[in-house]
Amino acid sequence: MNNKTFNHTLGREIRRVREEKGITQEELAARMNVNYQNISSYERGERCPSLFWMNRLYEALEIEPASFTKALYQKLNSPTLSHHITIINPVSDNPITENPIPDKPVSDNQVSTEEI
């Protein structure tokens, strides 16, 4: 997957959630304490927000990071996109090759994203 594909998919998801909540770019920018042009550039896929700004985005949109990430992951892995996403395990720095966000219930020895 290239950065352009990721940025555009992320931007579309940000826009979808913002519009679903009935919030304008200007309102979202005010909640995040940024210029509305930043929101516009994120939504167009021109820029990718840092983790700091993603956390501000979650707070401003009043959404759970896990649910947003799951929706984004599903879009990135949809049949219309032909690429592979690699997620690094923060404990061992090894790639996680299986789906890190299970759709099925997890066993007792696994952690569900809903519990995080």
PDB file of N, CA and C in Angstrom:
ATOM      1  N   MET A   1       0.854  -1.171   0.000  1.00  0.00           N
ATOM      2  CA  MET A   1       0.000   0.000   0.000  1.00  0.00           C
ATOM      3  C   MET A   1       0.896   1.229   0.000  1.00  0.00           C
ATOM      4  N   ASN A   2       0.531   2.195  -0.786  1.00  0.00           N
ATOM      5  CA  ASN A   2       1.319   3.414  -0.788  1.00  0.00           C
ATOM      6  C   ASN A   2       0.644   4.471   0.092  1.00  0.00           C
ATOM      7  N   ASN A   3       1.409   5.497   0.425  1.00  0.00           N
ATOM      8  CA  ASN A   3       0.901   6.548   1.309  1.00  0.00           C
ATOM      9  C   ASN A   3      -0.296   7.275   0.718  1.00  0.00           C
ATOM     10  N   LYS A   4      -0.285   7.462  -0.592  1.00  0.00           N
ATOM     11  CA  LYS A   4      -1.378   8.187  -1.245  1.00  0.00           C
ATOM     12  C   LYS A   4      -2.705   7.443  -1.051  1.00  0.00           C
ATOM     13  N   THR A   5      -2.691   6.130  -1.248  1.00  0.00           N
ATOM     14  CA  THR A   5      -3.888   5.317  -1.053  1.00  0.00           C
ATOM     15  C   THR A   5      -4.362   5.397   0.386  1.00  0.00           C
ATOM     16  N   PHE A   6      -3.429   5.246   1.312  1.00  0.00           N
ATOM     17  CA  PHE A   6      -3.790   5.307   2.733  1.00  0.00           C
ATOM     18  C   PHE A   6      -4.366   6.677   3.079  1.00  0.00           C
ATOM     19  N   ASN A   7      -3.686   7.749   2.670  1.00  0.00           N
ATOM     20  CA  ASN A   7      -4.142   9.107   2.991  1.00  0.00           C
ATOM     21  C   ASN A   7      -5.532   9.386   2.438  1.00  0.00           C
ATOM     22  N   HIS A   8      -5.797   8.944   1.210  1.00  0.00           N
ATOM     23  CA  HIS A   8      -7.114   9.185   0.605  1.00  0.00           C
ATOM     24  C   HIS A   8      -8.201   8.386   1.329  1.00  0.00           C
ATOM     25  N   THR A   9      -7.895   7.149   1.692  1.00  0.00           N
ATOM     26  CA  THR A   9      -8.868   6.321   2.411  1.00  0.00           C
ATOM     27  C   THR A   9      -9.131   6.897   3.793  1.00  0.00           C
ATOM     28  N   LEU A  10      -8.081   7.310   4.480  1.00  0.00           N
ATOM     29  CA  LEU A  10      -8.227   7.942   5.788  1.00  0.00           C
ATOM     30  C   LEU A  10      -9.047   9.225   5.676  1.00  0.00           C
ATOM     31  N   GLY A  11      -8.752  10.022   4.683  1.00  0.00           N
ATOM     32  CA  GLY A  11      -9.474  11.277   4.479  1.00  0.00           C
ATOM     33  C   GLY A  11     -10.955  11.065   4.224  1.00  0.00           C
ATOM     34  N   ARG A  12     -11.271  10.066   3.408  1.00  0.00           N
ATOM     35  CA  ARG A  12     -12.687   9.765   3.139  1.00  0.00           C
ATOM     36  C   ARG A  12     -13.400   9.310   4.409  1.00  0.00           C
ATOM     37  N   GLU A  13     -12.706   8.558   5.242  1.00  0.00           N
ATOM     38  CA  GLU A  13     -13.315   8.083   6.491  1.00  0.00           C
ATOM     39  C   GLU A  13     -13.516   9.239   7.468  1.00  0.00           C
ATOM     40  N   ILE A  14     -12.565  10.145   7.545  1.00  0.00           N
ATOM     41  CA  ILE A  14     -12.720  11.330   8.392  1.00  0.00           C
ATOM     42  C   ILE A  14     -13.933  12.130   7.929  1.00  0.00           C
ATOM     43  N   ARG A  15     -14.025  12.363   6.634  1.00  0.00           N
ATOM     44  CA  ARG A  15     -15.161  13.118   6.086  1.00  0.00           C
ATOM     45  C   ARG A  15     -16.482  12.405   6.366  1.00  0.00           C
ATOM     46  N   ARG A  16     -16.517  11.081   6.147  1.00  0.00           N
ATOM     47  CA  ARG A  16     -17.743  10.322   6.378  1.00  0.00           C
ATOM     48  C   ARG A  16     -18.237  10.483   7.816  1.00  0.00           C
ATOM     49  N   VAL A  17     -17.336  10.323   8.781  1.00  0.00           N
ATOM     50  CA  VAL A  17     -17.726  10.432  10.189  1.00  0.00           C
ATOM     51  C   VAL A  17     -18.153  11.861  10.511  1.00  0.00           C
ATOM     52  N   ARG A  18     -17.396  12.838  10.028  1.00  0.00           N
ATOM     53  CA  ARG A  18     -17.732  14.241  10.290  1.00  0.00           C
ATOM     54  C   ARG A  18     -19.120  14.572   9.760  1.00  0.00           C
ATOM     55  N   GLU A  19     -19.391  14.178   8.523  1.00  0.00           N
ATOM     56  CA  GLU A  19     -20.692  14.466   7.920  1.00  0.00           C
ATOM     57  C   GLU A  19     -21.812  13.692   8.611  1.00  0.00           C
ATOM     58  N   GLU A  20     -21.517  12.451   9.004  1.00  0.00           N
ATOM     59  CA  GLU A  20     -22.498  11.643   9.727  1.00  0.00           C
ATOM     60  C   GLU A  20     -22.911  12.327  11.038  1.00  0.00           C
ATOM     61  N   LYS A  21     -21.964  13.017  11.654  1.00  0.00           N
ATOM     62  CA  LYS A  21     -22.229  13.723  12.908  1.00  0.00           C
ATOM     63  C   LYS A  21     -22.805  15.120  12.675  1.00  0.00           C
ATOM     64  N   GLY A  22     -22.909  15.533  11.407  1.00  0.00           N
ATOM     65  CA  GLY A  22     -23.469  16.843  11.094  1.00  0.00           C
ATOM     66  C   GLY A  22     -22.566  18.007  11.477  1.00  0.00           C
ATOM     67  N   ILE A  23     -21.254  17.797  11.380  1.00  0.00           N
ATOM     68  CA  ILE A  23     -20.268  18.811  11.774  1.00  0.00           C
ATOM     69  C   ILE A  23     -19.595  19.358  10.513  1.00  0.00           C
ATOM     70  N   THR A  24     -19.449  20.665  10.428  1.00  0.00           N
ATOM     71  CA  THR A  24     -18.738  21.266   9.300  1.00  0.00           C
ATOM     72  C   THR A  24     -17.228  21.163   9.541  1.00  0.00           C
ATOM     73  N   GLN A  25     -16.475  21.391   8.476  1.00  0.00           N
ATOM     74  CA  GLN A  25     -15.013  21.424   8.622  1.00  0.00           C
ATOM     75  C   GLN A  25     -14.605  22.518   9.600  1.00  0.00           C
ATOM     76  N   GLU A  26     -15.280  23.645   9.535  1.00  0.00           N
ATOM     77  CA  GLU A  26     -14.957  24.771  10.421  1.00  0.00           C
ATOM     78  C   GLU A  26     -15.221  24.420  11.881  1.00  0.00           C
ATOM     79  N   GLU A  27     -16.352  23.738  12.146  1.00  0.00           N
ATOM     80  CA  GLU A  27     -16.673  23.330  13.515  1.00  0.00           C
ATOM     81  C   GLU A  27     -15.657  22.321  14.042  1.00  0.00           C
ATOM     82  N   LEU A  28     -15.302  21.360  13.188  1.00  0.00           N
ATOM     83  CA  LEU A  28     -14.315  20.362  13.598  1.00  0.00           C
ATOM     84  C   LEU A  28     -12.975  21.024  13.873  1.00  0.00           C
ATOM     85  N   ALA A  29     -12.583  21.939  13.016  1.00  0.00           N
ATOM     86  CA  ALA A  29     -11.315  22.649  13.207  1.00  0.00           C
ATOM     87  C   ALA A  29     -11.319  23.419  14.526  1.00  0.00           C
ATOM     88  N   ALA A  30     -12.427  24.067  14.842  1.00  0.00           N
ATOM     89  CA  ALA A  30     -12.516  24.815  16.097  1.00  0.00           C
ATOM     90  C   ALA A  30     -12.405  23.877  17.298  1.00  0.00           C
ATOM     91  N   ARG A  31     -13.046  22.709  17.213  1.00  0.00           N
ATOM     92  CA  ARG A  31     -12.965  21.729  18.306  1.00  0.00           C
ATOM     93  C   ARG A  31     -11.542  21.213  18.504  1.00  0.00           C
ATOM     94  N   MET A  32     -10.797  21.131  17.396  1.00  0.00           N
ATOM     95  CA  MET A  32      -9.432  20.618  17.456  1.00  0.00           C
ATOM     96  C   MET A  32      -8.395  21.720  17.652  1.00  0.00           C
ATOM     97  N   ASN A  33      -8.856  22.981  17.567  1.00  0.00           N
ATOM     98  CA  ASN A  33      -7.966  24.131  17.688  1.00  0.00           C
ATOM     99  C   ASN A  33      -6.922  24.163  16.564  1.00  0.00           C
ATOM    100  N   VAL A  34      -7.413  23.937  15.323  1.00  0.00           N
ATOM    101  CA  VAL A  34      -6.574  24.024  14.131  1.00  0.00           C
ATOM    102  C   VAL A  34      -7.312  24.860  13.092  1.00  0.00           C
ATOM    103  N   ASN A  35      -6.629  25.208  12.032  1.00  0.00           N
ATOM    104  CA  ASN A  35      -7.226  25.931  10.923  1.00  0.00           C
ATOM    105  C   ASN A  35      -8.072  24.955  10.103  1.00  0.00           C
ATOM    106  N   TYR A  36      -9.206  25.408   9.570  1.00  0.00           N
ATOM    107  CA  TYR A  36     -10.079  24.499   8.811  1.00  0.00           C
ATOM    108  C   TYR A  36      -9.382  23.957   7.572  1.00  0.00           C
ATOM    109  N   GLN A  37      -8.365  24.661   7.046  1.00  0.00           N
ATOM    110  CA  GLN A  37      -7.638  24.148   5.883  1.00  0.00           C
ATOM    111  C   GLN A  37      -6.919  22.837   6.210  1.00  0.00           C
ATOM    112  N   ASN A  38      -6.519  22.670   7.480  1.00  0.00           N
ATOM    113  CA  ASN A  38      -5.902  21.396   7.879  1.00  0.00           C
ATOM    114  C   ASN A  38      -6.900  20.257   7.727  1.00  0.00           C
ATOM    115  N   ILE A  39      -8.128  20.480   8.190  1.00  0.00           N
ATOM    116  CA  ILE A  39      -9.160  19.451   8.073  1.00  0.00           C
ATOM    117  C   ILE A  39      -9.406  19.144   6.596  1.00  0.00           C
ATOM    118  N   SER A  40      -9.497  20.182   5.791  1.00  0.00           N
ATOM    119  CA  SER A  40      -9.723  20.009   4.356  1.00  0.00           C
ATOM    120  C   SER A  40      -8.602  19.192   3.721  1.00  0.00           C
ATOM    121  N   SER A  41      -7.366  19.469   4.072  1.00  0.00           N
ATOM    122  CA  SER A  41      -6.244  18.741   3.469  1.00  0.00           C
ATOM    123  C   SER A  41      -6.212  17.283   3.941  1.00  0.00           C
ATOM    124  N   TYR A  42      -6.632  17.025   5.194  1.00  0.00           N
ATOM    125  CA  TYR A  42      -6.738  15.634   5.657  1.00  0.00           C
ATOM    126  C   TYR A  42      -7.806  14.903   4.853  1.00  0.00           C
ATOM    127  N   GLU A  43      -8.965  15.529   4.704  1.00  0.00           N
ATOM    128  CA  GLU A  43     -10.075  14.880   4.009  1.00  0.00           C
ATOM    129  C   GLU A  43      -9.795  14.649   2.533  1.00  0.00           C
ATOM    130  N   ARG A  44      -9.002  15.495   1.922  1.00  0.00           N
ATOM    131  CA  ARG A  44      -8.634  15.310   0.513  1.00  0.00           C
ATOM    132  C   ARG A  44      -7.482  14.323   0.344  1.00  0.00           C
ATOM    133  N   GLY A  45      -6.894  13.885   1.438  1.00  0.00           N
ATOM    134  CA  GLY A  45      -5.791  12.940   1.366  1.00  0.00           C
ATOM    135  C   GLY A  45      -4.462  13.576   1.034  1.00  0.00           C
ATOM    136  N   GLU A  46      -4.385  14.894   1.140  1.00  0.00           N
ATOM    137  CA  GLU A  46      -3.130  15.591   0.855  1.00  0.00           C
ATOM    138  C   GLU A  46      -2.147  15.471   2.018  1.00  0.00           C
ATOM    139  N   ARG A  47      -2.679  15.371   3.219  1.00  0.00           N
ATOM    140  CA  ARG A  47      -1.848  15.247   4.422  1.00  0.00           C
ATOM    141  C   ARG A  47      -2.430  14.156   5.302  1.00  0.00           C
ATOM    142  N   CYS A  48      -1.571  13.562   6.096  1.00  0.00           N
ATOM    143  CA  CYS A  48      -1.989  12.534   7.046  1.00  0.00           C
ATOM    144  C   CYS A  48      -1.762  13.074   8.454  1.00  0.00           C
ATOM    145  N   PRO A  49      -2.798  13.110   9.286  1.00  0.00           N
ATOM    146  CA  PRO A  49      -2.604  13.634  10.640  1.00  0.00           C
ATOM    147  C   PRO A  49      -1.682  12.737  11.461  1.00  0.00           C
ATOM    148  N   SER A  50      -0.904  13.351  12.325  1.00  0.00           N
ATOM    149  CA  SER A  50      -0.041  12.595  13.234  1.00  0.00           C
ATOM    150  C   SER A  50      -0.907  11.905  14.282  1.00  0.00           C
ATOM    151  N   LEU A  51      -0.318  11.032  15.078  1.00  0.00           N
ATOM    152  CA  LEU A  51      -1.069  10.375  16.149  1.00  0.00           C
ATOM    153  C   LEU A  51      -1.634  11.388  17.131  1.00  0.00           C
ATOM    154  N   PHE A  52      -0.898  12.454  17.396  1.00  0.00           N
ATOM    155  CA  PHE A  52      -1.388  13.517  18.279  1.00  0.00           C
ATOM    156  C   PHE A  52      -2.684  14.101  17.732  1.00  0.00           C
ATOM    157  N   TRP A  53      -2.690  14.427  16.436  1.00  0.00           N
ATOM    158  CA  TRP A  53      -3.872  15.031  15.830  1.00  0.00           C
ATOM    159  C   TRP A  53      -4.992  14.022  15.645  1.00  0.00           C
ATOM    160  N   MET A  54      -4.651  12.748  15.453  1.00  0.00           N
ATOM    161  CA  MET A  54      -5.695  11.726  15.392  1.00  0.00           C
ATOM    162  C   MET A  54      -6.406  11.637  16.740  1.00  0.00           C
ATOM    163  N   ASN A  55      -5.666  11.701  17.837  1.00  0.00           N
ATOM    164  CA  ASN A  55      -6.303  11.676  19.155  1.00  0.00           C
ATOM    165  C   ASN A  55      -7.211  12.881  19.344  1.00  0.00           C
ATOM    166  N   ARG A  56      -6.771  14.040  18.888  1.00  0.00           N
ATOM    167  CA  ARG A  56      -7.619  15.239  18.961  1.00  0.00           C
ATOM    168  C   ARG A  56      -8.868  15.056  18.100  1.00  0.00           C
ATOM    169  N   LEU A  57      -8.697  14.410  16.948  1.00  0.00           N
ATOM    170  CA  LEU A  57      -9.815  14.146  16.056  1.00  0.00           C
ATOM    171  C   LEU A  57     -10.842  13.232  16.729  1.00  0.00           C
ATOM    172  N   TYR A  58     -10.371  12.145  17.362  1.00  0.00           N
ATOM    173  CA  TYR A  58     -11.275  11.232  18.066  1.00  0.00           C
ATOM    174  C   TYR A  58     -12.078  11.988  19.123  1.00  0.00           C
ATOM    175  N   GLU A  59     -11.398  12.836  19.882  1.00  0.00           N
ATOM    176  CA  GLU A  59     -12.073  13.607  20.929  1.00  0.00           C
ATOM    177  C   GLU A  59     -13.076  14.588  20.325  1.00  0.00           C
ATOM    178  N   ALA A  60     -12.673  15.281  19.274  1.00  0.00           N
ATOM    179  CA  ALA A  60     -13.541  16.292  18.660  1.00  0.00           C
ATOM    180  C   ALA A  60     -14.784  15.663  18.034  1.00  0.00           C
ATOM    181  N   LEU A  61     -14.629  14.474  17.464  1.00  0.00           N
ATOM    182  CA  LEU A  61     -15.760  13.795  16.838  1.00  0.00           C
ATOM    183  C   LEU A  61     -16.514  12.903  17.825  1.00  0.00           C
ATOM    184  N   GLU A  62     -15.979  12.796  19.039  1.00  0.00           N
ATOM    185  CA  GLU A  62     -16.570  11.954  20.080  1.00  0.00           C
ATOM    186  C   GLU A  62     -16.753  10.523  19.595  1.00  0.00           C
ATOM    187  N   ILE A  63     -15.649   9.955  19.102  1.00  0.00           N
ATOM    188  CA  ILE A  63     -15.665   8.577  18.611  1.00  0.00           C
ATOM    189  C   ILE A  63     -14.576   7.780  19.317  1.00  0.00           C
ATOM    190  N   GLU A  64     -14.756   6.470  19.332  1.00  0.00           N
ATOM    191  CA  GLU A  64     -13.772   5.566  19.907  1.00  0.00           C
ATOM    192  C   GLU A  64     -12.693   5.256  18.871  1.00  0.00           C
ATOM    193  N   PRO A  65     -11.428   5.368  19.255  1.00  0.00           N
ATOM    194  CA  PRO A  65     -10.348   5.058  18.312  1.00  0.00           C
ATOM    195  C   PRO A  65     -10.464   3.658  17.713  1.00  0.00           C
ATOM    196  N   ALA A  66     -10.841   2.673  18.529  1.00  0.00           N
ATOM    197  CA  ALA A  66     -10.918   1.294  18.030  1.00  0.00           C
ATOM    198  C   ALA A  66     -11.969   1.148  16.936  1.00  0.00           C
ATOM    199  N   SER A  67     -13.115   1.784  17.100  1.00  0.00           N
ATOM    200  CA  SER A  67     -14.164   1.651  16.077  1.00  0.00           C
ATOM    201  C   SER A  67     -13.764   2.373  14.790  1.00  0.00           C
ATOM    202  N   PHE A  68     -13.128   3.534  14.915  1.00  0.00           N
ATOM    203  CA  PHE A  68     -12.666   4.262  13.732  1.00  0.00           C
ATOM    204  C   PHE A  68     -11.598   3.451  13.006  1.00  0.00           C
ATOM    205  N   THR A  69     -10.649   2.910  13.764  1.00  0.00           N
ATOM    206  CA  THR A  69      -9.555   2.136  13.179  1.00  0.00           C
ATOM    207  C   THR A  69     -10.083   0.880  12.497  1.00  0.00           C
ATOM    208  N   LYS A  70     -11.063   0.228  13.123  1.00  0.00           N
ATOM    209  CA  LYS A  70     -11.648  -0.973  12.518  1.00  0.00           C
ATOM    210  C   LYS A  70     -12.319  -0.631  11.193  1.00  0.00           C
ATOM    211  N   ALA A  71     -13.089   0.450  11.162  1.00  0.00           N
ATOM    212  CA  ALA A  71     -13.751   0.861   9.918  1.00  0.00           C
ATOM    213  C   ALA A  71     -12.720   1.195   8.841  1.00  0.00           C
ATOM    214  N   LEU A  72     -11.660   1.895   9.228  1.00  0.00           N
ATOM    215  CA  LEU A  72     -10.603   2.242   8.280  1.00  0.00           C
ATOM    216  C   LEU A  72      -9.922   0.982   7.761  1.00  0.00           C
ATOM    217  N   TYR A  73      -9.592   0.076   8.663  1.00  0.00           N
ATOM    218  CA  TYR A  73      -8.932  -1.174   8.287  1.00  0.00           C
ATOM    219  C   TYR A  73      -9.790  -1.959   7.295  1.00  0.00           C
ATOM    220  N   GLN A  74     -11.102  -2.018   7.544  1.00  0.00           N
ATOM    221  CA  GLN A  74     -11.993  -2.748   6.641  1.00  0.00           C
ATOM    222  C   GLN A  74     -12.019  -2.098   5.264  1.00  0.00           C
ATOM    223  N   LYS A  75     -12.001  -0.789   5.211  1.00  0.00           N
ATOM    224  CA  LYS A  75     -11.989  -0.101   3.913  1.00  0.00           C
ATOM    225  C   LYS A  75     -10.664  -0.332   3.185  1.00  0.00           C
ATOM    226  N   LEU A  76      -9.572  -0.325   3.933  1.00  0.00           N
ATOM    227  CA  LEU A  76      -8.261  -0.544   3.326  1.00  0.00           C
ATOM    228  C   LEU A  76      -8.129  -1.966   2.786  1.00  0.00           C
ATOM    229  N   ASN A  77      -8.854  -2.892   3.370  1.00  0.00           N
ATOM    230  CA  ASN A  77      -8.787  -4.292   2.947  1.00  0.00           C
ATOM    231  C   ASN A  77      -9.997  -4.716   2.126  1.00  0.00           C
ATOM    232  N   SER A  78     -10.728  -3.750   1.615  1.00  0.00           N
ATOM    233  CA  SER A  78     -11.889  -4.074   0.788  1.00  0.00           C
ATOM    234  C   SER A  78     -11.417  -4.635  -0.541  1.00  0.00           C
ATOM    235  N   PRO A  79     -12.269  -5.411  -1.218  1.00  0.00           N
ATOM    236  CA  PRO A  79     -11.867  -6.000  -2.507  1.00  0.00           C
ATOM    237  C   PRO A  79     -11.513  -4.961  -3.570  1.00  0.00           C
ATOM    238  N   THR A  80     -11.958  -3.723  -3.402  1.00  0.00           N
ATOM    239  CA  THR A  80     -11.662  -2.712  -4.425  1.00  0.00           C
ATOM    240  C   THR A  80     -10.248  -2.168  -4.300  1.00  0.00           C
ATOM    241  N   LEU A  81      -9.597  -2.422  -3.172  1.00  0.00           N
ATOM    242  CA  LEU A  81      -8.206  -1.990  -3.009  1.00  0.00           C
ATOM    243  C   LEU A  81      -7.313  -3.220  -3.008  1.00  0.00           C
ATOM    244  N   SER A  82      -6.306  -3.229  -3.854  1.00  0.00           N
ATOM    245  CA  SER A  82      -5.424  -4.394  -3.932  1.00  0.00           C
ATOM    246  C   SER A  82      -4.069  -4.044  -3.336  1.00  0.00           C
ATOM    247  N   HIS A  83      -3.969  -4.194  -2.035  1.00  0.00           N
ATOM    248  CA  HIS A  83      -2.707  -3.946  -1.349  1.00  0.00           C
ATOM    249  C   HIS A  83      -2.720  -4.669  -0.011  1.00  0.00           C
ATOM    250  N   HIS A  84      -1.626  -4.646   0.670  1.00  0.00           N
ATOM    251  CA  HIS A  84      -1.487  -5.315   1.958  1.00  0.00           C
ATOM    252  C   HIS A  84      -1.064  -4.293   2.995  1.00  0.00           C
ATOM    253  N   ILE A  85      -1.684  -4.338   4.150  1.00  0.00           N
ATOM    254  CA  ILE A  85      -1.308  -3.439   5.240  1.00  0.00           C
ATOM    255  C   ILE A  85      -0.498  -4.239   6.249  1.00  0.00           C
ATOM    256  N   THR A  86       0.585  -3.670   6.708  1.00  0.00           N
ATOM    257  CA  THR A  86       1.405  -4.309   7.725  1.00  0.00           C
ATOM    258  C   THR A  86       1.307  -3.493   9.001  1.00  0.00           C
ATOM    259  N   ILE A  87       0.950  -4.162  10.065  1.00  0.00           N
ATOM    260  CA  ILE A  87       0.870  -3.511  11.362  1.00  0.00           C
ATOM    261  C   ILE A  87       1.983  -4.090  12.214  1.00  0.00           C
ATOM    262  N   ILE A  88       2.737  -3.235  12.871  1.00  0.00           N
ATOM    263  CA  ILE A  88       3.862  -3.676  13.691  1.00  0.00           C
ATOM    264  C   ILE A  88       3.390  -3.904  15.118  1.00  0.00           C
ATOM    265  N   ASN A  89       3.767  -5.040  15.666  1.00  0.00           N
ATOM    266  CA  ASN A  89       3.472  -5.351  17.053  1.00  0.00           C
ATOM    267  C   ASN A  89       4.332  -4.445  17.930  1.00  0.00           C
ATOM    268  N   PRO A  90       3.727  -3.587  18.772  1.00  0.00           N
ATOM    269  CA  PRO A  90       4.519  -2.644  19.558  1.00  0.00           C
ATOM    270  C   PRO A  90       5.395  -3.308  20.604  1.00  0.00           C
ATOM    271  N   VAL A  91       5.107  -4.565  20.938  1.00  0.00           N
ATOM    272  CA  VAL A  91       5.897  -5.263  21.943  1.00  0.00           C
ATOM    273  C   VAL A  91       7.173  -5.844  21.343  1.00  0.00           C
ATOM    274  N   SER A  92       7.076  -6.410  20.146  1.00  0.00           N
ATOM    275  CA  SER A  92       8.229  -7.108  19.584  1.00  0.00           C
ATOM    276  C   SER A  92       8.780  -6.498  18.300  1.00  0.00           C
ATOM    277  N   ASP A  93       8.126  -5.475  17.737  1.00  0.00           N
ATOM    278  CA  ASP A  93       8.518  -4.872  16.467  1.00  0.00           C
ATOM    279  C   ASP A  93       8.429  -5.839  15.295  1.00  0.00           C
ATOM    280  N   ASN A  94       7.705  -6.938  15.456  1.00  0.00           N
ATOM    281  CA  ASN A  94       7.491  -7.879  14.364  1.00  0.00           C
ATOM    282  C   ASN A  94       6.175  -7.566  13.678  1.00  0.00           C
ATOM    283  N   PRO A  95       6.119  -7.749  12.356  1.00  0.00           N
ATOM    284  CA  PRO A  95       4.846  -7.510  11.668  1.00  0.00           C
ATOM    285  C   PRO A  95       3.772  -8.486  12.131  1.00  0.00           C
ATOM    286  N   ILE A  96       2.558  -8.017  12.206  1.00  0.00           N
ATOM    287  CA  ILE A  96       1.401  -8.861  12.476  1.00  0.00           C
ATOM    288  C   ILE A  96       0.767  -9.105  11.122  1.00  0.00           C
ATOM    289  N   THR A  97       0.758 -10.358  10.686  1.00  0.00           N
ATOM    290  CA  THR A  97       0.271 -10.631   9.338  1.00  0.00           C
ATOM    291  C   THR A  97      -1.205 -10.989   9.303  1.00  0.00           C
ATOM    292  N   GLU A  98      -1.761 -11.475  10.416  1.00  0.00           N
ATOM    293  CA  GLU A  98      -3.185 -11.785  10.421  1.00  0.00           C
ATOM    294  C   GLU A  98      -3.980 -10.530  10.760  1.00  0.00           C
ATOM    295  N   ASN A  99      -5.274 -10.612  10.582  1.00  0.00           N
ATOM    296  CA  ASN A  99      -6.161  -9.491  10.870  1.00  0.00           C
ATOM    297  C   ASN A  99      -6.074  -9.146  12.358  1.00  0.00           C
ATOM    298  N   PRO A 100      -5.552  -7.964  12.717  1.00  0.00           N
ATOM    299  CA  PRO A 100      -5.422  -7.611  14.126  1.00  0.00           C
ATOM    300  C   PRO A 100      -6.730  -7.173  14.753  1.00  0.00           C
ATOM    301  N   ILE A 101      -7.761  -7.012  13.949  1.00  0.00           N
ATOM    302  CA  ILE A 101      -9.058  -6.579  14.461  1.00  0.00           C
ATOM    303  C   ILE A 101     -10.064  -7.671  14.105  1.00  0.00           C
ATOM    304  N   PRO A 102     -10.231  -8.639  15.003  1.00  0.00           N
ATOM    305  CA  PRO A 102     -11.079  -9.778  14.661  1.00  0.00           C
ATOM    306  C   PRO A 102     -12.548  -9.400  14.556  1.00  0.00           C
ATOM    307  N   ASP A 103     -13.225 -10.053  13.605  1.00  0.00           N
ATOM    308  CA  ASP A 103     -14.662  -9.864  13.465  1.00  0.00           C
ATOM    309  C   ASP A 103     -15.415 -10.867  14.328  1.00  0.00           C
ATOM    310  N   LYS A 104     -14.741 -11.937  14.725  1.00  0.00           N
ATOM    311  CA  LYS A 104     -15.358 -12.975  15.538  1.00  0.00           C
ATOM    312  C   LYS A 104     -14.964 -12.770  16.998  1.00  0.00           C
ATOM    313  N   PRO A 105     -15.716 -13.360  17.923  1.00  0.00           N
ATOM    314  CA  PRO A 105     -15.318 -13.267  19.334  1.00  0.00           C
ATOM    315  C   PRO A 105     -13.915 -13.837  19.529  1.00  0.00           C
ATOM    316  N   VAL A 106     -13.192 -13.269  20.452  1.00  0.00           N
ATOM    317  CA  VAL A 106     -11.823 -13.715  20.711  1.00  0.00           C
ATOM    318  C   VAL A 106     -11.813 -14.683  21.868  1.00  0.00           C
ATOM    319  N   SER A 107     -10.763 -15.511  21.914  1.00  0.00           N
ATOM    320  CA  SER A 107     -10.640 -16.451  23.015  1.00  0.00           C
ATOM    321  C   SER A 107     -10.122 -15.722  24.245  1.00  0.00           C
ATOM    322  N   ASP A 108     -10.078 -16.419  25.368  1.00  0.00           N
ATOM    323  CA  ASP A 108      -9.650 -15.817  26.629  1.00  0.00           C
ATOM    324  C   ASP A 108      -8.222 -15.311  26.616  1.00  0.00           C
ATOM    325  N   ASN A 109      -7.368 -15.905  25.782  1.00  0.00           N
ATOM    326  CA  ASN A 109      -5.967 -15.496  25.773  1.00  0.00           C
ATOM    327  C   ASN A 109      -5.673 -14.404  24.759  1.00  0.00           C
ATOM    328  N   GLN A 110      -6.686 -13.857  24.115  1.00  0.00           N
ATOM    329  CA  GLN A 110      -6.511 -12.752  23.173  1.00  0.00           C
ATOM    330  C   GLN A 110      -7.147 -11.491  23.729  1.00  0.00           C
ATOM    331  N   VAL A 111      -6.739 -10.377  23.203  1.00  0.00           N
ATOM    332  CA  VAL A 111      -7.318  -9.089  23.608  1.00  0.00           C
ATOM    333  C   VAL A 111      -8.167  -8.565  22.479  1.00  0.00           C
ATOM    334  N   SER A 112      -9.380  -8.202  22.779  1.00  0.00           N
ATOM    335  CA  SER A 112     -10.274  -7.627  21.791  1.00  0.00           C
ATOM    336  C   SER A 112     -10.029  -6.133  21.721  1.00  0.00           C
ATOM    337  N   THR A 113     -10.156  -5.557  20.519  1.00  0.00           N
ATOM    338  CA  THR A 113      -9.976  -4.098  20.382  1.00  0.00           C
ATOM    339  C   THR A 113     -11.031  -3.338  21.146  1.00  0.00           C
ATOM    340  N   GLU A 114     -12.198  -3.939  21.377  1.00  0.00           N
ATOM    341  CA  GLU A 114     -13.245  -3.264  22.138  1.00  0.00           C
ATOM    342  C   GLU A 114     -12.869  -3.126  23.607  1.00  0.00           C
ATOM    343  N   GLU A 115     -11.933  -3.960  24.089  1.00  0.00           N
ATOM    344  CA  GLU A 115     -11.505  -3.910  25.478  1.00  0.00           C
ATOM    345  C   GLU A 115     -10.385  -2.914  25.709  1.00  0.00           C
ATOM    346  N   ILE A 116      -9.768  -2.457  24.646  1.00  0.00           N
ATOM    347  CA  ILE A 116      -8.613  -1.570  24.768  1.00  0.00           C
ATOM    348  C   ILE A 116      -9.050  -0.166  25.072  1.00  0.00           C
TER     349      ILE A 116
END
